[in-house]
Protein backbone atom coordinates (compact mmCIF):
# COMPACT_ATOMS: atom_id res chain seq x y z
CA MET A 1 146.40 223.85 241.71
CA LYS A 2 147.72 225.51 244.90
CA LYS A 3 148.30 222.08 246.46
CA ILE A 4 150.15 220.86 243.37
CA PHE A 5 152.29 224.02 243.30
CA THR A 6 153.10 223.66 247.04
CA ILE A 7 154.13 220.02 246.57
CA SER A 8 156.30 221.02 243.61
CA ILE A 9 158.15 223.68 245.61
CA ALA A 10 158.65 221.21 248.49
CA LEU A 11 160.21 218.78 246.02
CA LEU A 12 162.67 221.43 244.83
CA LEU A 13 163.75 222.36 248.36
CA GLY A 14 164.08 218.77 249.50
CA ALA A 15 166.04 217.74 246.43
CA SER A 16 168.38 220.71 246.94
CA VAL A 17 169.33 219.45 250.40
CA PHE A 18 169.88 215.88 249.20
CA GLY A 19 171.80 217.15 246.15
CA GLN A 20 174.29 219.04 248.33
CA LEU A 21 174.76 216.03 250.60
CA ASP A 22 175.34 213.82 247.55
CA GLU A 23 178.01 216.21 246.26
CA LYS A 24 179.91 216.16 249.58
CA GLU A 25 179.77 212.38 249.62
CA LYS A 26 181.03 212.24 246.04
CA ASP A 27 183.96 214.57 246.81
CA LEU A 28 185.02 212.37 249.74
CA ARG A 29 184.91 209.22 247.60
CA THR A 30 186.88 210.90 244.80
CA LYS A 31 189.61 212.04 247.18
CA ALA A 32 189.77 208.59 248.76
CA LYS A 33 190.28 206.96 245.36
CA GLY A 34 192.83 209.57 244.30
CA ASN A 35 190.93 210.35 241.09
CA THR A 36 192.60 213.30 239.38
CA ASP A 37 191.47 212.64 235.80
CA SER A 38 190.49 215.93 234.19
CA THR A 39 190.79 214.87 230.53
CA LYS A 40 187.35 213.31 230.12
CA ILE A 41 185.00 215.97 228.74
CA TRP A 42 182.13 213.79 227.45
CA THR A 43 179.96 211.48 229.54
CA THR A 44 177.51 209.32 227.60
CA GLY A 45 175.18 206.48 228.40
CA GLY A 46 171.61 205.36 228.60
CA MET A 47 169.06 202.79 229.63
CA PHE A 48 166.69 200.49 227.77
CA ASN A 49 163.62 198.91 229.38
CA LEU A 50 161.25 196.44 227.74
CA ASN A 51 158.32 195.09 229.76
CA PHE A 52 155.61 192.57 228.90
CA GLY A 53 152.37 191.44 230.52
CA GLN A 54 149.76 188.81 229.69
CA THR A 55 146.45 187.52 231.10
CA SER A 56 144.64 184.48 229.68
CA LEU A 57 141.16 183.30 230.75
CA HIS A 58 139.35 180.11 229.78
CA ASN A 59 135.89 179.25 231.10
CA TRP A 60 136.50 181.76 233.89
CA SER A 61 133.23 182.09 235.81
CA ALA A 62 134.15 185.45 237.38
CA GLY A 63 134.45 187.00 233.93
CA GLY A 64 137.12 189.32 232.62
CA LEU A 65 139.20 189.98 229.53
CA ASN A 66 142.26 188.37 228.03
CA SER A 67 145.07 190.84 227.52
CA TYR A 68 148.58 191.36 226.23
CA ASN A 69 150.62 194.47 226.88
CA PHE A 70 154.11 195.82 226.44
CA ASN A 71 155.98 198.99 227.28
CA GLY A 72 159.36 200.15 226.01
CA LEU A 73 161.58 203.01 227.20
CA LEU A 74 164.86 204.21 225.70
CA SER A 75 166.70 206.93 227.65
CA LEU A 76 169.96 208.40 226.32
CA PHE A 77 172.24 211.16 227.54
CA ALA A 78 175.41 212.91 226.35
CA ASN A 79 176.95 215.51 228.67
CA HIS A 80 179.96 217.73 227.94
CA SER A 81 182.02 219.49 230.59
CA LYS A 82 185.25 221.42 230.07
CA GLY A 83 186.47 224.28 232.19
CA LYS A 84 183.54 226.55 232.96
CA LEU A 85 181.40 225.24 230.10
CA ALA A 86 178.72 222.56 230.61
CA TRP A 87 176.43 221.11 227.94
CA ASP A 88 173.81 218.49 228.91
CA ASN A 89 171.70 216.57 226.38
CA SER A 90 169.07 213.87 226.84
CA LEU A 91 166.53 212.01 224.70
CA GLU A 92 163.69 209.81 225.95
CA LEU A 93 161.48 207.61 223.77
CA GLU A 94 158.61 205.72 225.39
CA TYR A 95 155.82 203.67 223.86
CA GLY A 96 153.37 201.15 225.28
CA SER A 97 150.34 199.28 223.97
CA ILE A 98 147.65 196.92 225.27
CA ASN A 99 145.40 194.38 223.58
CA GLN A 100 142.24 193.44 225.50
CA PHE A 101 139.63 191.01 224.16
CA SER A 102 136.99 188.57 225.33
CA PRO A 103 137.86 184.84 225.50
CA GLY A 104 137.11 183.28 222.14
CA ALA A 105 136.97 186.64 220.33
CA ALA A 106 137.70 186.66 216.61
CA ASP A 107 141.01 188.11 215.43
CA SER A 108 139.12 191.09 213.98
CA ALA A 109 138.04 192.05 217.52
CA LYS A 110 141.59 192.08 218.85
CA LYS A 111 142.97 195.62 218.64
CA TRP A 112 146.21 197.03 219.97
CA LEU A 113 145.64 200.35 221.74
CA LYS A 114 148.41 202.55 223.04
CA ASN A 115 148.62 203.42 226.75
CA SER A 116 151.87 205.41 226.77
CA ASP A 117 153.59 207.50 224.11
CA ARG A 118 156.31 210.14 224.52
CA ILE A 119 159.19 211.76 222.69
CA GLU A 120 161.19 214.27 224.74
CA LEU A 121 164.44 216.01 223.85
CA ASN A 122 166.38 218.30 226.21
CA SER A 123 169.50 220.33 225.52
CA LYS A 124 171.01 222.77 228.00
CA VAL A 125 174.25 224.74 227.70
CA GLY A 126 175.69 226.77 230.58
CA TYR A 127 178.73 228.83 231.53
CA GLU A 128 179.82 228.87 235.16
CA ALA A 129 178.98 232.06 237.03
CA GLY A 130 180.27 230.91 240.43
CA GLY A 131 178.81 229.26 243.51
CA HIS A 132 177.20 226.34 241.57
CA TRP A 133 175.36 228.84 239.31
CA TYR A 134 175.51 228.83 235.50
CA TYR A 135 174.36 231.30 232.86
CA THR A 136 172.20 228.93 230.82
CA GLY A 137 170.22 228.48 227.64
CA LEU A 138 167.71 225.62 227.34
CA LEU A 139 165.80 223.81 224.60
CA ASN A 140 162.99 221.36 225.35
CA PHE A 141 160.91 219.52 222.73
CA ARG A 142 158.04 217.15 223.56
CA THR A 143 155.52 215.28 221.39
CA GLN A 144 154.29 211.73 220.68
CA MET A 145 154.66 209.02 218.03
CA ALA A 146 151.15 207.86 217.15
CA PRO A 147 147.45 208.81 217.27
CA GLY A 148 145.62 208.65 220.61
CA TYR A 149 141.90 207.85 220.99
CA ASP A 150 139.14 208.59 223.48
CA ALA A 151 137.41 205.93 225.60
CA SER A 152 135.28 204.78 222.66
CA GLN A 153 138.49 204.14 220.68
CA LYS A 154 136.80 205.74 217.65
CA ASN A 155 137.70 209.42 217.92
CA VAL A 156 141.27 210.68 217.57
CA ILE A 157 142.13 213.15 220.35
CA SER A 158 145.89 213.52 219.75
CA ASP A 159 148.49 212.66 217.10
CA ILE A 160 152.15 213.11 216.24
CA THR A 161 152.91 216.88 216.48
CA SER A 162 149.34 217.34 217.73
CA PRO A 163 150.37 218.59 220.15
CA ALA A 164 154.10 219.31 220.10
CA TYR A 165 155.74 221.70 222.57
CA THR A 166 159.01 223.54 221.95
CA THR A 167 160.44 225.68 224.75
CA LEU A 168 163.41 228.04 224.38
CA ALA A 169 164.60 229.75 227.56
CA ILE A 170 167.50 231.72 228.98
CA GLY A 171 168.22 232.07 232.68
CA MET A 172 170.27 230.69 235.55
CA ASP A 173 170.93 227.05 236.40
CA TYR A 174 171.73 226.03 239.98
CA LYS A 175 173.72 222.79 239.95
CA PRO A 176 175.16 221.90 243.38
CA SER A 177 175.80 218.28 242.35
CA SER A 178 175.64 215.92 239.38
CA ASN A 179 172.42 214.51 240.87
CA PHE A 180 170.40 217.72 241.17
CA ASN A 181 169.82 220.98 239.31
CA VAL A 182 167.20 223.73 239.05
CA PHE A 183 166.91 225.95 235.98
CA ILE A 184 165.10 229.29 236.47
CA SER A 185 164.15 231.48 233.51
CA PRO A 186 162.27 234.80 233.83
CA ILE A 187 161.83 234.91 230.06
CA ALA A 188 160.99 231.87 227.96
CA TYR A 189 159.31 231.25 224.62
CA ARG A 190 157.03 228.25 224.14
CA ALA A 191 155.65 227.22 220.78
CA LEU A 192 152.57 224.98 220.82
CA ILE A 193 152.14 223.14 217.52
CA VAL A 194 148.93 221.29 216.67
CA SER A 195 149.32 220.14 213.07
CA ARG A 196 145.79 218.67 212.83
CA GLU A 197 143.26 221.45 212.43
CA ASP A 198 140.42 219.36 213.88
CA LEU A 199 142.32 218.99 217.18
CA ARG A 200 143.39 222.60 217.78
CA GLY A 201 140.32 223.50 219.81
CA ARG A 202 141.20 220.77 222.34
CA PHE A 203 144.49 222.53 223.09
CA GLY A 204 143.20 226.04 223.70
CA PHE A 205 143.24 227.51 220.19
CA THR A 206 140.60 230.19 219.64
CA ASP A 207 138.57 230.15 216.40
CA GLU A 208 140.87 232.84 214.96
CA GLU A 209 144.00 230.87 215.95
CA VAL A 210 142.59 227.67 214.41
CA ALA A 211 142.15 229.44 211.08
CA ALA A 212 145.57 231.11 211.31
CA GLY A 213 147.57 227.89 211.37
CA PRO A 214 149.12 225.18 213.56
CA LEU A 215 151.32 227.45 215.73
CA ARG A 216 150.45 229.21 218.97
CA SER A 217 153.17 231.31 220.65
CA GLU A 218 153.50 231.91 224.40
CA VAL A 219 155.97 234.00 226.41
CA GLY A 220 156.43 233.49 230.13
CA ALA A 221 158.49 232.25 233.08
CA TYR A 222 159.88 228.70 233.15
CA ILE A 223 161.33 226.50 235.90
CA LYS A 224 162.75 223.02 235.37
CA ALA A 225 164.25 220.78 238.08
CA ASN A 226 165.87 217.34 237.88
CA TYR A 227 166.91 214.96 240.64
CA LYS A 228 168.26 211.42 240.51
CA LYS A 229 169.70 209.13 243.16
CA ASP A 230 170.95 205.55 243.29
CA GLU A 231 170.19 203.73 246.54
CA PRO A 232 168.09 206.56 248.05
CA PHE A 233 168.06 206.49 251.88
CA GLY A 234 170.53 203.59 251.66
CA ILE A 235 168.03 201.23 249.99
CA LYS A 236 170.10 198.85 247.86
CA ASN A 237 169.17 197.97 244.26
CA VAL A 238 166.79 200.93 244.02
CA SER A 239 167.12 204.04 241.85
CA PHE A 240 165.02 207.20 241.92
CA LYS A 241 164.60 209.84 239.23
CA THR A 242 162.21 212.79 238.98
CA ASP A 243 161.91 215.87 236.78
CA LEU A 244 159.52 218.78 237.15
CA ALA A 245 158.76 221.62 234.70
CA MET A 246 156.49 224.63 235.34
CA PHE A 247 155.49 227.39 232.91
CA SER A 248 153.49 230.60 233.42
CA ASN A 249 152.24 232.37 230.27
CA TYR A 250 152.58 236.15 230.70
CA LEU A 251 150.21 236.75 227.78
CA ASP A 252 147.23 234.69 228.97
CA HIS A 253 146.24 234.13 232.63
CA PRO A 254 149.77 233.97 234.14
CA GLU A 255 148.27 232.77 237.43
CA ASN A 256 147.47 229.42 235.75
CA ILE A 257 150.75 227.49 236.02
CA ASP A 258 151.28 224.59 233.63
CA ILE A 259 152.93 221.59 235.32
CA TYR A 260 154.69 218.57 233.82
CA TRP A 261 156.09 216.12 236.41
CA ASN A 262 157.61 212.66 235.82
CA THR A 263 158.91 210.22 238.41
CA LEU A 264 160.52 206.79 237.94
CA ILE A 265 161.51 204.32 240.67
CA GLY A 266 163.53 201.32 239.54
CA MET A 267 164.00 198.17 241.63
CA LYS A 268 166.70 195.79 240.45
CA VAL A 269 165.94 192.06 240.69
CA ASN A 270 169.17 190.92 239.01
CA LYS A 271 171.54 192.16 236.32
CA TYR A 272 168.85 192.36 233.62
CA ILE A 273 165.46 192.11 235.37
CA THR A 274 163.88 195.16 237.04
CA ALA A 275 160.53 196.29 238.40
CA ASN A 276 159.62 199.92 237.73
CA ILE A 277 157.02 202.29 239.11
CA GLY A 278 156.45 205.37 236.96
CA THR A 279 154.12 208.33 237.40
CA ASN A 280 153.25 211.26 235.14
CA LEU A 281 151.32 214.32 236.30
CA ILE A 282 150.24 217.04 233.85
CA TYR A 283 148.21 220.19 234.31
CA ASP A 284 147.76 222.54 231.37
CA ASP A 285 145.01 225.14 231.52
CA ASN A 286 144.68 225.05 227.72
CA ILE A 287 144.00 221.31 227.40
CA MET A 288 140.27 220.61 227.40
CA ILE A 289 139.30 217.21 228.84
CA GLN A 290 135.80 215.73 228.96
CA ASP A 291 134.51 214.76 232.41
CA ILE A 292 132.00 212.02 233.29
CA ASN A 293 129.10 214.46 232.78
CA GLY A 294 130.17 215.36 229.25
CA GLY A 295 131.57 218.79 230.13
CA TYR A 296 134.93 220.04 228.87
CA GLY A 297 137.59 221.92 230.82
CA PRO A 298 141.17 221.77 232.16
CA ARG A 299 141.84 218.81 234.45
CA VAL A 300 144.77 217.35 236.40
CA GLN A 301 146.04 214.42 234.34
CA PHE A 302 147.73 211.55 236.18
CA LYS A 303 149.15 208.23 235.02
CA GLU A 304 150.77 205.45 237.08
CA ALA A 305 152.33 202.27 235.76
CA LEU A 306 153.95 199.27 237.46
CA THR A 307 156.03 197.12 235.09
CA VAL A 308 158.42 194.18 235.33
CA GLY A 309 160.79 193.25 232.55
CA PHE A 310 164.17 193.51 230.87
CA SER A 311 166.48 196.45 231.64
CA TYR A 312 169.94 197.28 230.36
CA LYS A 313 172.18 200.24 231.21
CA PHE A 314 175.04 201.34 228.98
């Protein structure tokens, strides 16, 4: 965990430097173009990705499985800025599934199994305090759309609102540019909801908490950072985006820092075709994961995906 925490802090410091450089570059371009428009208070847009993959084998001596897979991502944002007030909103919906089966398998043996699933909503409102700092309130909600299964594909280990995380926080937001910001909250409330009683033990509920209901409350410190950049280091047709959230629960082992870190690199082939590399890293001390020896405990979770498909920005 110390290595992960050190890497996370390095990301924040590095992104801060790049964010300030990006802002200076933006100011120079704006002055050069003579842009004095101050009437636009809403900025909206989004991105839609849809990727497919397929493998077909016939009399293949080396063996293997036929497969179909798809992954879809919808990312939307709506940001408001007027005077000293700033209000940023974003919604991300992601779902992917894979169907693996032996050549010649009957239709009954062909099952679609999900390999990615995320719903995440962010809303942040701030009032300028000076020097790129804002007094800020934040709402974050995260859950999934469908049941998830273990390796045997027989046992449900997660479901919609099992878990679901809702974080409410107040603090200061440092926003030196439109590409980078860090939100720091010394006091934040996080509600962990596990609607399925049979799954609550997997997410750190004690026996008493399981019987009490689907809600577990936590109070602690919260940090969330976002950085995005088109053509990083001057590399054309490439975009980079990363967001990092860290939470320390004052009420239960505050030294165990929960980490949620997403990164997406997009490489544009043409107007509508892109290749994407995405990573997700999660560490939550309350999530019990079975290891290869059958033991349960908290583990670093990591997912990487390389996809090629249709992309559209609006």
